C-alpha cells in the first residue's frame, strides 16, 4: 500500500524531500477493508469509535428507514427491524474507522504541510487542495498554478509528471520561484493514474529558499573573489584589505570586526559599519588573548560560533553569555540581534546583525568566505614583502 508522508531535505542533504509515496508491503488495502499484520488491538480506542457512533444521529435515521421499510413489506411490527440495522451499522462503521485510524492521520499530513500540496489537471487548473495549501490559494485567488508560478514552470510540472523515475528511484523534479509567496520550491509531480496523459496530476512542493539563498551567496562570493584578485595590486599599495572585505560583508550584516593576531597573540583590528551609505571605520581595537569575547573563544575552540538574541529573555542575558567588547558595541551603536565569528590562521572575523536568521547554510558560507579571504591576505602579505628592499621578485 502507498501512503503519503512528508519529509524535509533541508536537514537531510542529498535526500529527496517534500511529499513521499511510501510503500508499506505488509499493509493491504481493498476498498474499505484494510488489514495490518501484527498490530495490537487497542480495546479502549475501539470502544471510543463505538461511543462516537452511538451518539451520532445518522445511524438512527438509517435504522429507522430500514426498519419501516421491513415492517411495511413484512407486516411484522417489532423492534427487531430497527435494532438489527442499528447495531450492524455501529459495528461496521466502528471497525472501518478503527482500522483506518492511522491512515486518516497520514492523509491529514498534506493538509498541514507548509509548502503547497494539491491535485491539478493537465492544463494546470487546481482540482483539489486542502488545509494550508487551500488557504494560500484562496488568499491569492489561485485557480490555475500558472498564476502561482509561471507558464514555464507549469509546462515543467506536466513534463515531469509523465517522466519515469530514474534508476536511483528519485522522482523527477524541477525548481521554480513563486512571486506570490516569494519563495523557491523544488516541485515533484506524478500522474494519479499511470499512462493517463489527460488525467489528474498529484503535485507537491518543497521550500528550498534557504538553499537557493546559499547558492546565490556563493555566486556573489565567486564574483567577489574575482574582484579581489583584480584589485590585489591596489590593495598592496593602499593597505585597504579590511575595507575591501567589509564592503562585501556589509551588504548582509550591519557591522563587522576584522582582526589579525599580533606577536603577543592578541587580536588587533577595526570595526566597520554603514552610515548614510558610507562605510565608517573605528580606531584600532586590541582584544587581549585572555578575553572571553566570542571572537577569542572561536579561535580557542577552532570553530564557528553564532548566537541570537531571540534565544534569550533579555539583552543583558545575551551579553552575559556573549561578553562582546564594550568598544566594539559602542562603535556599532545599535542593539545586537545576532552574530557569527570564525578564524583562519592569524585572521579572525566577527559579523553582527545578519539580515535574517543565521542558518547552517550561512555558517558554511561564512567559513568559506574566511578561508578564501585568508588566502588572498597571504598573497598580499607576500607581495608587500617582495616589494621591500631586499625582498624577492614580484609574485603576481
Protein backbone atom coordinates (compact mmCIF):
# COMPACT_ATOMS: atom_id res chain seq x y z
CA UNK A 1 0.00 0.00 0.00
CA UNK A 2 1.27 3.52 -0.82
CA UNK A 3 0.88 6.23 1.84
CA UNK A 4 1.52 9.97 1.61
CA UNK A 5 4.14 11.32 4.02
CA UNK A 6 6.22 14.47 4.33
CA UNK A 7 10.00 14.86 4.62
CA UNK A 8 12.42 17.80 4.89
CA UNK A 9 15.58 17.67 2.78
CA UNK A 10 16.80 20.96 4.20
CA UNK A 11 18.09 18.98 7.17
CA UNK A 12 18.95 15.91 5.10
CA UNK A 13 21.33 17.00 2.31
CA UNK A 14 21.23 14.69 -0.67
CA UNK A 15 17.87 13.19 0.24
CA UNK A 16 14.68 13.81 -1.70
CA UNK A 17 12.22 15.84 0.37
CA UNK A 18 8.66 17.04 0.21
CA UNK A 19 5.81 14.58 -0.13
CA UNK A 20 6.75 10.91 -0.36
CA UNK A 21 4.85 7.91 -1.64
CA UNK A 22 5.92 5.20 0.79
CA UNK A 23 5.16 1.58 0.05
CA UNK A 24 4.30 -0.50 3.12
CA UNK A 25 4.11 -4.06 1.74
CA UNK A 26 2.72 -5.52 4.95
CA UNK A 27 -0.38 -3.30 4.70
CA UNK A 28 -3.03 -4.25 2.17
CA UNK A 29 -5.90 -2.00 1.21
CA UNK A 30 -9.03 -3.22 -0.52
CA UNK A 31 -11.87 -0.73 -0.70
CA UNK A 32 -12.95 -0.01 2.86
CA UNK A 33 -11.17 -3.05 4.30
CA UNK A 34 -7.58 -2.68 5.43
CA UNK A 35 -5.71 -5.39 7.34
CA UNK A 36 -2.45 -4.60 9.12
CA UNK A 37 -0.32 -7.52 10.23
CA UNK A 38 0.77 -7.78 13.87
CA UNK A 39 -0.93 -4.57 15.01
CA UNK A 40 -2.02 -4.84 18.64
CA UNK A 41 -5.74 -4.46 19.13
CA UNK A 42 -6.48 -1.35 21.21
CA UNK A 43 -9.75 -2.04 23.04
CA UNK A 44 -10.08 1.44 24.51
CA UNK A 45 -9.59 3.08 21.14
CA UNK A 46 -12.11 0.74 19.53
CA UNK A 47 -14.80 1.47 22.12
CA UNK A 48 -14.13 5.17 21.61
CA UNK A 49 -15.22 4.79 17.99
CA UNK A 50 -18.26 2.75 19.11
CA UNK A 51 -19.39 5.50 21.50
CA UNK A 52 -19.00 8.16 18.81
CA UNK A 53 -21.24 6.14 16.51
CA UNK A 54 -23.86 5.59 19.23
CA UNK A 55 -24.05 9.32 19.84
CA UNK A 56 -24.34 10.10 16.11
CA UNK A 57 -27.77 10.69 14.62
CA UNK A 58 -27.04 9.24 11.19
CA UNK A 59 -27.23 5.57 12.24
CA UNK A 60 -30.64 6.12 13.87
CA UNK A 61 -32.01 7.77 10.72
CA UNK A 62 -30.72 4.88 8.60
CA UNK A 63 -32.07 2.29 11.05
CA UNK A 64 -35.48 3.97 11.04
CA UNK A 65 -35.69 3.99 7.23
CA UNK A 66 -34.62 0.34 7.01
CA UNK A 67 -36.91 -0.70 9.88
CA UNK A 68 -40.02 0.98 8.48
CA UNK A 69 -39.31 -0.50 5.05
CA UNK A 70 -39.03 -4.01 6.50
CA UNK A 71 -42.20 -3.55 8.58
CA UNK A 72 -44.07 -2.21 5.57
CA UNK A 73 -43.32 -5.23 3.42
CA UNK A 74 -43.40 -7.94 6.11
CA UNK A 75 -46.24 -6.54 8.26
CA UNK A 76 -44.08 -7.56 11.24
CA UNK A 77 -44.15 -4.54 13.51
CA UNK A 78 -41.47 -5.15 16.16
CA UNK A 79 -38.21 -3.65 17.39
CA UNK A 80 -36.00 -6.19 15.58
CA UNK A 81 -36.13 -4.49 12.14
CA UNK A 82 -34.88 -1.31 13.82
CA UNK A 83 -32.36 -2.70 16.31
CA UNK A 84 -30.50 -5.08 13.97
CA UNK A 85 -29.63 -2.42 11.33
CA UNK A 86 -28.57 -0.05 14.10
CA UNK A 87 -26.10 -2.49 15.69
CA UNK A 88 -24.82 -3.64 12.30
CA UNK A 89 -24.06 -0.03 11.39
CA UNK A 90 -22.36 0.70 14.71
CA UNK A 91 -20.11 -2.36 14.50
CA UNK A 92 -19.31 -1.93 10.80
CA UNK A 93 -18.58 1.80 10.96
CA UNK A 94 -16.52 1.41 14.15
CA UNK A 95 -14.46 -1.40 12.58
CA UNK A 96 -13.74 0.68 9.49
CA UNK A 97 -12.72 3.78 11.46
CA UNK A 98 -10.60 1.72 13.85
CA UNK A 99 -8.73 0.00 11.02
CA UNK A 100 -8.23 3.31 9.18
CA UNK A 101 -7.27 5.41 12.23
CA UNK A 102 -3.56 5.63 11.24
CA UNK A 103 -4.35 6.08 7.57
CA UNK A 104 -6.57 9.06 8.44
CA UNK A 105 -3.66 10.65 10.30
CA UNK A 106 -1.36 10.16 7.30
CA UNK A 107 -3.95 11.63 4.93
CA UNK A 108 -4.01 14.73 7.15
CA UNK A 109 -0.29 15.37 6.64
CA UNK A 110 -0.60 17.13 3.25
CA UNK A 111 -3.19 19.46 4.77
CA UNK A 112 -0.67 20.52 7.42
CA UNK A 113 2.26 20.94 5.02
CA UNK A 114 3.67 24.48 4.85
CA UNK A 115 4.56 24.08 1.16
CA UNK A 116 1.72 23.52 -1.35
CA UNK A 117 0.37 20.01 -1.99
CA UNK A 118 -2.52 19.69 -4.46
CA UNK A 119 -4.09 17.90 -7.41
CA UNK A 120 -4.38 19.63 -10.80
CA UNK A 121 -5.38 18.74 -14.34
CA UNK A 122 -3.02 18.75 -17.32
CA UNK A 123 -3.88 22.42 -18.00
CA UNK A 124 -2.80 23.49 -14.51
CA UNK A 125 -6.28 24.03 -13.07
CA UNK A 126 -6.29 23.23 -9.33
CA UNK A 127 -8.78 20.40 -8.80
CA UNK A 128 -8.23 19.79 -5.08
CA UNK A 129 -6.28 21.43 -2.27
CA UNK A 130 -6.76 21.19 1.47
CA UNK A 131 -5.51 22.77 4.68
CA UNK A 132 -2.76 25.36 4.41
CA UNK A 133 -2.48 24.95 0.64
CA UNK A 134 -6.19 25.69 0.20
CA UNK A 135 -5.89 28.74 2.44
CA UNK A 136 -2.88 30.02 0.45
CA UNK A 137 -4.60 29.56 -2.91
CA UNK A 138 -7.85 31.15 -1.70
CA UNK A 139 -5.96 34.12 -0.24
CA UNK A 140 -4.34 34.88 -3.60
CA UNK A 141 -7.25 33.67 -5.78
CA UNK A 142 -5.13 30.95 -7.40
CA UNK A 143 -7.25 28.69 -9.62
CA UNK A 144 -4.51 27.75 -12.07
CA UNK A 145 -0.99 27.01 -10.91
CA UNK A 146 0.40 29.21 -13.70
CA UNK A 147 -0.81 32.18 -11.63
CA UNK A 148 1.24 31.00 -8.66
CA UNK A 149 4.38 30.25 -10.68
CA UNK A 150 4.64 30.91 -14.43
CA UNK A 151 3.98 29.16 -17.74
CA UNK A 152 7.45 27.67 -17.93
CA UNK A 153 7.05 26.07 -14.50
CA UNK A 154 3.61 24.70 -15.40
CA UNK A 155 4.99 23.08 -18.56
CA UNK A 156 7.82 21.64 -16.47
CA UNK A 157 5.37 20.12 -13.96
CA UNK A 158 3.38 18.41 -16.69
CA UNK A 159 6.60 17.13 -18.26
CA UNK A 160 7.98 15.56 -15.07
CA UNK A 161 4.57 14.03 -14.31
CA UNK A 162 5.00 11.96 -17.47
CA UNK A 163 8.65 11.11 -16.75
CA UNK A 164 9.53 7.79 -15.16
CA UNK A 165 11.69 7.80 -12.00
CA UNK A 166 15.42 7.42 -12.54
CA UNK A 167 17.35 4.29 -11.68
CA UNK A 168 18.01 5.57 -8.14
CA UNK A 169 14.22 5.81 -7.59
CA UNK A 170 14.28 9.59 -7.24
CA UNK A 171 11.12 11.23 -8.56
CA UNK A 172 11.88 13.77 -11.32
CA UNK A 173 11.64 17.37 -10.12
CA UNK A 174 12.05 20.99 -11.17
CA UNK A 175 12.89 24.18 -9.28
CA UNK A 176 10.80 27.34 -9.61
CA UNK A 177 10.28 30.69 -7.90
CA UNK A 178 6.87 31.99 -6.85
CA UNK A 179 6.37 35.75 -6.98
CA UNK A 180 3.26 35.24 -4.82
CA UNK A 181 4.92 33.59 -1.81
CA UNK A 182 8.39 34.98 -2.64
CA UNK A 183 9.89 31.52 -2.15
CA UNK A 184 11.85 28.99 -4.18
CA UNK A 185 10.39 25.49 -4.47
CA UNK A 186 11.51 22.06 -5.52
CA UNK A 187 8.48 20.59 -7.31
CA UNK A 188 7.61 16.92 -7.78
CA UNK A 189 4.63 15.59 -9.71
CA UNK A 190 3.16 12.27 -10.75
CA UNK A 191 0.09 11.09 -12.62
CA UNK A 192 -2.71 9.80 -10.39
CA UNK A 193 -3.21 7.06 -12.99
CA UNK A 194 -0.10 5.92 -14.82
CA UNK A 195 -0.27 6.38 -18.56
CA UNK A 196 -3.31 8.68 -18.45
CA UNK A 197 -1.88 11.86 -20.01
CA UNK A 198 -5.15 13.75 -19.64
CA UNK A 199 -5.83 12.61 -16.08
CA UNK A 200 -5.23 14.45 -12.78
CA UNK A 201 -1.70 15.11 -11.50
CA UNK A 202 -0.57 14.97 -7.88
CA UNK A 203 1.88 17.84 -7.20
CA UNK A 204 3.90 18.56 -4.08
CA UNK A 205 6.27 21.43 -3.36
CA UNK A 206 9.24 21.67 -1.02
CA UNK A 207 10.50 25.05 0.18
CA UNK A 208 14.19 25.34 -0.81
CA UNK A 209 14.54 29.11 -0.30
CA UNK A 210 17.37 28.72 2.23
CA UNK A 211 19.37 26.51 -0.08
CA UNK A 212 18.81 28.82 -3.07
CA UNK A 213 19.89 31.82 -1.00
CA UNK A 214 23.07 29.91 -0.17
CA UNK A 215 23.63 29.17 -3.86
CA UNK A 216 23.19 32.85 -4.76
CA UNK A 217 25.57 33.92 -1.98
CA UNK A 218 28.20 31.50 -3.28
CA UNK A 219 27.83 33.11 -6.70
CA UNK A 220 28.37 36.52 -5.06
CA UNK A 221 31.47 35.15 -3.32
CA UNK A 222 32.87 33.94 -6.64
CA UNK A 223 32.36 37.42 -8.11
CA UNK A 224 33.95 38.98 -5.03
CA UNK A 225 36.94 36.63 -5.27
CA UNK A 226 37.41 37.71 -8.88
CA UNK A 227 37.25 41.37 -7.88
CA UNK A 228 39.70 40.75 -5.03
CA UNK A 229 42.23 39.19 -7.38
CA UNK A 230 41.75 42.08 -9.80
CA UNK A 231 42.34 44.62 -7.02
CA UNK A 232 45.32 42.88 -5.37
CA UNK A 233 47.83 45.33 -6.81
CA UNK A 234 45.90 48.29 -5.44
CA UNK A 235 45.48 46.61 -2.03
CA UNK A 236 49.22 46.08 -1.81
CA UNK A 237 49.80 49.80 -2.40
CA UNK A 238 46.98 51.16 -0.18
CA UNK A 239 46.77 48.50 2.53
CA UNK A 240 42.98 48.54 2.28
CA UNK A 241 42.41 44.80 2.61
CA UNK A 242 39.98 45.11 5.53
CA UNK A 243 37.98 47.87 3.85
CA UNK A 244 37.67 45.71 0.74
CA UNK A 245 36.22 42.78 2.71
CA UNK A 246 33.95 44.97 4.83
CA UNK A 247 32.30 46.41 1.71
CA UNK A 248 31.30 42.87 0.74
CA UNK A 249 30.11 41.74 4.19
CA UNK A 250 28.13 44.91 4.92
CA UNK A 251 25.68 44.01 2.17
CA UNK A 252 24.16 41.45 4.56
CA UNK A 253 25.44 42.49 8.01
CA UNK A 254 25.15 45.77 9.91
CA UNK A 255 28.71 45.72 11.22
CA UNK A 256 31.88 43.63 11.04
CA UNK A 257 35.01 43.47 13.19
CA UNK A 258 38.06 42.26 11.23
CA UNK A 259 41.24 41.43 13.13
CA UNK A 260 44.66 39.84 12.82
CA UNK A 261 46.75 38.30 15.57
CA UNK A 262 49.85 40.17 16.73
CA UNK A 263 53.06 38.72 18.16
CA UNK A 264 51.52 38.55 21.63
CA UNK A 265 48.56 36.51 20.32
CA UNK A 266 46.23 39.48 20.83
CA UNK A 267 43.68 40.34 18.15
CA UNK A 268 44.12 43.76 16.55
CA UNK A 269 41.65 45.25 14.09
CA UNK A 270 38.86 47.69 13.32
CA UNK A 271 35.08 47.70 13.26
CA UNK A 272 33.30 48.69 10.06
CA UNK A 273 29.68 49.78 9.69
CA UNK A 274 27.44 51.52 7.18
CA UNK A 275 26.35 55.06 7.98
CA UNK A 276 24.45 57.20 5.48
CA UNK A 277 25.50 54.84 2.67
CA UNK A 278 29.12 55.30 3.66
CA UNK A 279 31.44 52.83 5.39
CA UNK A 280 32.77 54.07 8.73
CA UNK A 281 35.88 52.60 10.34
CA UNK A 282 36.70 52.59 14.04
CA UNK A 283 40.10 53.24 15.57
CA UNK A 284 42.26 50.19 16.14
CA UNK A 285 40.89 47.89 18.85
CA UNK A 286 43.02 45.30 20.64
CA UNK A 287 41.34 42.19 22.11
CA UNK A 288 43.55 40.66 24.79
CA UNK A 289 44.30 36.99 24.20
CA UNK A 290 42.71 36.14 27.56
CA UNK A 291 39.46 37.97 26.80
CA UNK A 292 36.25 35.86 26.99
CA UNK A 293 34.89 37.66 23.91
CA UNK A 294 33.27 35.29 21.35
CA UNK A 295 35.89 36.19 18.74
CA UNK A 296 38.53 34.81 21.10
CA UNK A 297 36.52 31.75 22.13
CA UNK A 298 36.06 30.88 18.45
CA UNK A 299 39.83 30.93 18.00
CA UNK A 300 40.43 28.82 21.10
CA UNK A 301 37.88 26.22 20.03
CA UNK A 302 38.79 26.46 16.33
CA UNK A 303 35.13 26.55 15.30
CA UNK A 304 32.36 28.83 14.15
CA UNK A 305 30.38 30.45 16.97
CA UNK A 306 26.97 32.07 16.47
CA UNK A 307 24.20 33.26 18.76
CA UNK A 308 20.86 35.06 18.54
CA UNK A 309 19.04 37.39 20.93
CA UNK A 310 15.80 35.51 20.26
CA UNK A 311 17.16 32.61 22.31
CA UNK A 312 17.36 34.78 25.43
CA UNK A 313 14.84 36.58 27.63
CA UNK A 314 16.79 39.85 27.67
CA UNK A 315 19.75 41.68 26.14
CA UNK A 316 21.54 41.52 29.49
CA UNK A 317 21.35 37.71 29.49
CA UNK A 318 22.52 37.60 25.88
CA UNK A 319 25.56 39.79 26.61
CA UNK A 320 26.35 37.90 29.80
CA UNK A 321 26.60 34.70 27.77
CA UNK A 322 28.49 36.55 24.99
CA UNK A 323 30.71 39.25 26.54
CA UNK A 324 31.28 41.37 23.47
CA UNK A 325 33.95 44.04 23.81
CA UNK A 326 32.43 47.38 25.01
CA UNK A 327 34.48 49.37 22.49
CA UNK A 328 33.04 47.29 19.65
CA UNK A 329 29.49 47.73 20.95
CA UNK A 330 29.98 51.47 21.44
CA UNK A 331 31.11 51.96 17.85
CA UNK A 332 28.32 49.82 16.35
CA UNK A 333 25.81 51.79 18.47
CA UNK A 334 22.79 49.59 17.63
CA UNK A 335 21.32 46.63 19.57
CA UNK A 336 22.98 43.33 18.65
CA UNK A 337 20.45 40.78 17.35
CA UNK A 338 22.88 38.06 16.28
CA UNK A 339 26.49 37.46 15.39
CA UNK A 340 28.79 34.93 13.72
CA UNK A 341 32.54 34.58 14.17
CA UNK A 342 35.24 32.39 12.66
CA UNK A 343 39.01 32.40 12.23
CA UNK A 344 41.68 31.08 9.89
CA UNK A 345 45.40 31.26 10.68
CA UNK A 346 46.01 34.77 12.13
CA UNK A 347 42.72 36.18 10.76
CA UNK A 348 39.59 36.45 12.96
CA UNK A 349 36.30 37.99 11.87
CA UNK A 350 33.03 38.60 13.70
CA UNK A 351 29.98 39.96 11.88
CA UNK A 352 26.90 41.41 13.56
CA UNK A 353 23.18 41.59 12.79
CA UNK A 354 22.70 39.37 9.77
CA UNK A 355 19.56 40.40 7.89
CA UNK A 356 17.72 37.20 8.90
CA UNK A 357 18.32 34.07 10.95
CA UNK A 358 21.85 32.65 10.77
CA UNK A 359 21.26 29.19 9.33
CA UNK A 360 23.56 26.23 8.77
CA UNK A 361 23.91 27.47 5.18
CA UNK A 362 25.13 30.88 6.35
CA UNK A 363 27.63 29.23 8.70
CA UNK A 364 29.00 27.21 5.81
CA UNK A 365 29.17 30.31 3.62
CA UNK A 366 30.97 32.32 6.31
CA UNK A 367 33.55 29.58 6.76
CA UNK A 368 34.25 29.50 3.01
CA UNK A 369 34.47 33.31 2.93
CA UNK A 370 37.02 33.48 5.76
CA UNK A 371 39.12 30.71 4.24
CA UNK A 372 39.06 32.39 0.82
CA UNK A 373 39.91 35.80 2.25
CA UNK A 374 42.78 34.42 4.32
CA UNK A 375 44.34 33.03 1.14
CA UNK A 376 44.12 36.45 -0.50
CA UNK A 377 45.65 38.11 2.57
CA UNK A 378 48.60 35.73 2.40
CA UNK A 379 49.17 36.72 -1.24
CA UNK A 380 49.01 40.41 -0.32
CA UNK A 381 51.50 39.85 2.52
CA UNK A 382 53.93 38.06 0.22
CA UNK A 383 53.64 40.77 -2.39
CA UNK A 384 54.25 43.50 0.19
CA UNK A 385 57.29 41.62 1.42
CA UNK A 386 58.64 41.21 -2.11
CA UNK A 387 58.40 44.96 -2.68
CA UNK A 388 60.58 45.78 0.31
CA UNK A 389 64.30 46.38 -0.32
CA UNK A 390 66.00 43.01 -0.42
CA UNK A 391 62.73 41.21 -0.97
CA UNK A 392 62.15 38.55 -3.58
CA UNK A 393 60.84 39.19 -7.06
CA UNK A 394 57.20 40.10 -7.67
CA UNK A 395 54.89 37.14 -7.02
CA UNK A 396 51.99 38.43 -9.07
